[in-house]
Amino acid sequence: MQDLEKLAQELRRRGKSEGVRALAESADGQKLGAMIDGSAAERALRSGDSAALQQIMRGVLGTDEGRRLVAELQRLMEK
């Protein structure tokens, strides 16, 4: 979880946190959020279960919405 906190701090420092929030609140972000089992993702993050996290990410990236969000996130981070 410390790595996620560092990531959040870095996003705020670079002025990107609002852009990431907007992506999460977009139609694609909402669809993906509904597809992901939040409690399973939290457990995997807290326990450091990289295999479970990889499986979650494969599921996300296997959708059109996930691929679009990743592309938008990459554009956001390049600015």
N, C-alpha and C. Protein backbone atom coordinates (compact mmCIF):
# COMPACT_ATOMS: atom_id res chain seq x y z
N MET A 1 0.82 -1.20 0.00
CA MET A 1 0.00 0.00 0.00
C MET A 1 0.86 1.26 0.00
N GLN A 2 2.07 1.19 0.53
CA GLN A 2 2.93 2.36 0.55
C GLN A 2 3.25 2.82 -0.86
N ASP A 3 3.44 1.87 -1.78
CA ASP A 3 3.72 2.23 -3.16
C ASP A 3 2.55 2.99 -3.78
N LEU A 4 1.32 2.58 -3.46
CA LEU A 4 0.15 3.31 -3.97
C LEU A 4 0.07 4.70 -3.38
N GLU A 5 0.42 4.84 -2.12
CA GLU A 5 0.42 6.16 -1.50
C GLU A 5 1.48 7.05 -2.14
N LYS A 6 2.64 6.48 -2.45
CA LYS A 6 3.69 7.25 -3.14
C LYS A 6 3.23 7.66 -4.53
N LEU A 7 2.54 6.74 -5.21
CA LEU A 7 2.01 7.06 -6.54
C LEU A 7 1.01 8.20 -6.45
N ALA A 8 0.12 8.15 -5.48
CA ALA A 8 -0.88 9.21 -5.30
C ALA A 8 -0.18 10.55 -5.02
N GLN A 9 0.84 10.54 -4.19
CA GLN A 9 1.58 11.76 -3.89
C GLN A 9 2.24 12.32 -5.14
N GLU A 10 2.83 11.44 -5.95
CA GLU A 10 3.50 11.86 -7.18
C GLU A 10 2.49 12.44 -8.16
N LEU A 11 1.32 11.82 -8.27
CA LEU A 11 0.28 12.34 -9.16
C LEU A 11 -0.15 13.74 -8.72
N ARG A 12 -0.31 13.92 -7.41
CA ARG A 12 -0.68 15.25 -6.90
C ARG A 12 0.43 16.26 -7.18
N ARG A 13 1.66 15.86 -6.95
CA ARG A 13 2.80 16.75 -7.14
C ARG A 13 2.89 17.20 -8.60
N ARG A 14 2.61 16.29 -9.53
CA ARG A 14 2.69 16.61 -10.94
C ARG A 14 1.39 17.22 -11.49
N GLY A 15 0.40 17.40 -10.63
CA GLY A 15 -0.85 18.00 -11.06
C GLY A 15 -1.70 17.08 -11.92
N LYS A 16 -1.57 15.78 -11.74
CA LYS A 16 -2.28 14.82 -12.58
C LYS A 16 -3.46 14.16 -11.87
N SER A 17 -3.61 14.37 -10.59
CA SER A 17 -4.64 13.63 -9.83
C SER A 17 -6.05 13.93 -10.33
N GLU A 18 -6.33 15.16 -10.72
CA GLU A 18 -7.68 15.48 -11.21
C GLU A 18 -7.95 14.80 -12.55
N GLY A 19 -6.94 14.71 -13.40
CA GLY A 19 -7.11 14.02 -14.67
C GLY A 19 -7.39 12.54 -14.47
N VAL A 20 -6.69 11.93 -13.51
CA VAL A 20 -6.92 10.52 -13.21
C VAL A 20 -8.32 10.35 -12.64
N ARG A 21 -8.74 11.27 -11.80
CA ARG A 21 -10.09 11.20 -11.23
C ARG A 21 -11.14 11.30 -12.34
N ALA A 22 -10.91 12.19 -13.30
CA ALA A 22 -11.85 12.34 -14.42
C ALA A 22 -11.94 11.05 -15.24
N LEU A 23 -10.80 10.39 -15.45
CA LEU A 23 -10.82 9.11 -16.16
C LEU A 23 -11.63 8.07 -15.39
N ALA A 24 -11.43 8.03 -14.08
CA ALA A 24 -12.16 7.06 -13.25
C ALA A 24 -13.66 7.32 -13.28
N GLU A 25 -14.04 8.59 -13.40
CA GLU A 25 -15.45 8.95 -13.39
C GLU A 25 -16.08 8.92 -14.78
N SER A 26 -15.26 8.67 -15.81
CA SER A 26 -15.79 8.61 -17.18
C SER A 26 -16.66 7.37 -17.36
N ALA A 27 -17.38 7.32 -18.47
CA ALA A 27 -18.24 6.17 -18.76
C ALA A 27 -17.43 4.88 -18.77
N ASP A 28 -16.26 4.92 -19.42
CA ASP A 28 -15.41 3.72 -19.45
C ASP A 28 -14.93 3.35 -18.05
N GLY A 29 -14.54 4.35 -17.28
CA GLY A 29 -14.09 4.09 -15.92
C GLY A 29 -15.19 3.49 -15.06
N GLN A 30 -16.40 3.99 -15.22
CA GLN A 30 -17.53 3.47 -14.46
C GLN A 30 -17.84 2.02 -14.85
N LYS A 31 -17.78 1.72 -16.15
CA LYS A 31 -18.02 0.35 -16.60
C LYS A 31 -16.99 -0.60 -16.01
N LEU A 32 -15.73 -0.20 -16.06
CA LEU A 32 -14.68 -1.06 -15.51
C LEU A 32 -14.82 -1.22 -14.02
N GLY A 33 -15.17 -0.13 -13.34
CA GLY A 33 -15.37 -0.21 -11.90
C GLY A 33 -16.44 -1.20 -11.51
N ALA A 34 -17.48 -1.28 -12.33
CA ALA A 34 -18.56 -2.23 -12.05
C ALA A 34 -18.13 -3.67 -12.33
N MET A 35 -17.14 -3.85 -13.20
CA MET A 35 -16.68 -5.18 -13.55
C MET A 35 -15.70 -5.75 -12.53
N ILE A 36 -15.02 -4.88 -11.80
CA ILE A 36 -13.96 -5.31 -10.89
C ILE A 36 -14.53 -5.58 -9.50
N ASP A 37 -14.14 -6.67 -8.92
CA ASP A 37 -14.50 -6.99 -7.54
C ASP A 37 -13.56 -6.19 -6.64
N GLY A 38 -14.06 -5.08 -6.12
CA GLY A 38 -13.25 -4.17 -5.32
C GLY A 38 -12.63 -4.82 -4.10
N SER A 39 -13.37 -5.68 -3.44
CA SER A 39 -12.82 -6.31 -2.23
C SER A 39 -11.69 -7.27 -2.59
N ALA A 40 -11.82 -7.96 -3.72
CA ALA A 40 -10.75 -8.87 -4.16
C ALA A 40 -9.50 -8.07 -4.54
N ALA A 41 -9.70 -6.95 -5.21
CA ALA A 41 -8.57 -6.10 -5.59
C ALA A 41 -7.89 -5.54 -4.35
N GLU A 42 -8.67 -5.10 -3.38
CA GLU A 42 -8.09 -4.57 -2.15
C GLU A 42 -7.30 -5.64 -1.41
N ARG A 43 -7.87 -6.84 -1.31
CA ARG A 43 -7.15 -7.94 -0.65
C ARG A 43 -5.83 -8.23 -1.34
N ALA A 44 -5.86 -8.26 -2.66
CA ALA A 44 -4.64 -8.54 -3.43
C ALA A 44 -3.60 -7.45 -3.22
N LEU A 45 -4.06 -6.20 -3.19
CA LEU A 45 -3.13 -5.09 -2.96
C LEU A 45 -2.53 -5.14 -1.55
N ARG A 46 -3.38 -5.35 -0.58
CA ARG A 46 -2.91 -5.38 0.81
C ARG A 46 -1.95 -6.54 1.08
N SER A 47 -2.21 -7.68 0.45
CA SER A 47 -1.38 -8.86 0.70
C SER A 47 -0.19 -8.94 -0.25
N GLY A 48 -0.17 -8.08 -1.26
CA GLY A 48 0.92 -8.12 -2.24
C GLY A 48 0.82 -9.31 -3.18
N ASP A 49 -0.40 -9.78 -3.43
CA ASP A 49 -0.63 -10.93 -4.30
C ASP A 49 -0.54 -10.50 -5.76
N SER A 50 0.68 -10.55 -6.31
CA SER A 50 0.88 -10.05 -7.67
C SER A 50 0.17 -10.92 -8.71
N ALA A 51 0.02 -12.21 -8.46
CA ALA A 51 -0.69 -13.07 -9.42
C ALA A 51 -2.16 -12.65 -9.52
N ALA A 52 -2.78 -12.37 -8.39
CA ALA A 52 -4.18 -11.94 -8.41
C ALA A 52 -4.31 -10.58 -9.08
N LEU A 53 -3.38 -9.68 -8.81
CA LEU A 53 -3.42 -8.36 -9.45
C LEU A 53 -3.22 -8.47 -10.96
N GLN A 54 -2.33 -9.35 -11.38
CA GLN A 54 -2.12 -9.55 -12.81
C GLN A 54 -3.38 -10.08 -13.48
N GLN A 55 -4.06 -10.98 -12.80
CA GLN A 55 -5.30 -11.52 -13.37
C GLN A 55 -6.36 -10.42 -13.49
N ILE A 56 -6.46 -9.58 -12.48
CA ILE A 56 -7.42 -8.46 -12.53
C ILE A 56 -7.06 -7.55 -13.70
N MET A 57 -5.77 -7.23 -13.85
CA MET A 57 -5.34 -6.34 -14.93
C MET A 57 -5.56 -6.97 -16.30
N ARG A 58 -5.35 -8.26 -16.43
CA ARG A 58 -5.63 -8.93 -17.71
C ARG A 58 -7.11 -8.80 -18.05
N GLY A 59 -7.95 -8.94 -17.06
CA GLY A 59 -9.39 -8.78 -17.30
C GLY A 59 -9.73 -7.38 -17.75
N VAL A 60 -9.12 -6.39 -17.12
CA VAL A 60 -9.36 -4.98 -17.48
C VAL A 60 -8.84 -4.70 -18.89
N LEU A 61 -7.61 -5.11 -19.15
CA LEU A 61 -7.00 -4.82 -20.44
C LEU A 61 -7.58 -5.65 -21.58
N GLY A 62 -8.36 -6.65 -21.24
CA GLY A 62 -9.02 -7.46 -22.24
C GLY A 62 -10.31 -6.84 -22.75
N THR A 63 -10.64 -5.66 -22.26
CA THR A 63 -11.86 -4.98 -22.69
C THR A 63 -11.52 -3.74 -23.51
N ASP A 64 -12.44 -3.34 -24.36
CA ASP A 64 -12.25 -2.10 -25.12
C ASP A 64 -12.12 -0.91 -24.17
N GLU A 65 -12.96 -0.90 -23.13
CA GLU A 65 -12.94 0.21 -22.17
C GLU A 65 -11.57 0.31 -21.49
N GLY A 66 -11.04 -0.83 -21.10
CA GLY A 66 -9.74 -0.85 -20.42
C GLY A 66 -8.63 -0.34 -21.33
N ARG A 67 -8.64 -0.77 -22.57
CA ARG A 67 -7.61 -0.31 -23.51
C ARG A 67 -7.74 1.19 -23.76
N ARG A 68 -8.97 1.69 -23.86
CA ARG A 68 -9.15 3.14 -24.06
C ARG A 68 -8.65 3.91 -22.84
N LEU A 69 -8.97 3.44 -21.65
CA LEU A 69 -8.53 4.14 -20.44
C LEU A 69 -7.01 4.14 -20.32
N VAL A 70 -6.38 3.04 -20.66
CA VAL A 70 -4.91 2.99 -20.60
C VAL A 70 -4.32 3.99 -21.59
N ALA A 71 -4.87 4.06 -22.78
CA ALA A 71 -4.38 5.02 -23.78
C ALA A 71 -4.56 6.45 -23.27
N GLU A 72 -5.71 6.75 -22.68
CA GLU A 72 -5.95 8.09 -22.13
C GLU A 72 -5.00 8.39 -20.97
N LEU A 73 -4.76 7.41 -20.13
CA LEU A 73 -3.84 7.59 -19.00
C LEU A 73 -2.43 7.85 -19.50
N GLN A 74 -2.02 7.14 -20.52
CA GLN A 74 -0.68 7.39 -21.09
C GLN A 74 -0.58 8.81 -21.62
N ARG A 75 -1.62 9.27 -22.33
CA ARG A 75 -1.61 10.65 -22.85
C ARG A 75 -1.55 11.66 -21.71
N LEU A 76 -2.32 11.40 -20.67
CA LEU A 76 -2.33 12.30 -19.51
C LEU A 76 -0.95 12.39 -18.88
N MET A 77 -0.28 11.27 -18.73
CA MET A 77 1.02 11.25 -18.07
C MET A 77 2.12 11.87 -18.93
N GLU A 78 1.93 11.92 -20.24
CA GLU A 78 2.92 12.53 -21.13
C GLU A 78 2.90 14.04 -21.09
N LYS A 79 1.79 14.61 -20.69
CA LYS A 79 1.64 16.08 -20.69
C LYS A 79 2.56 16.70 -19.67
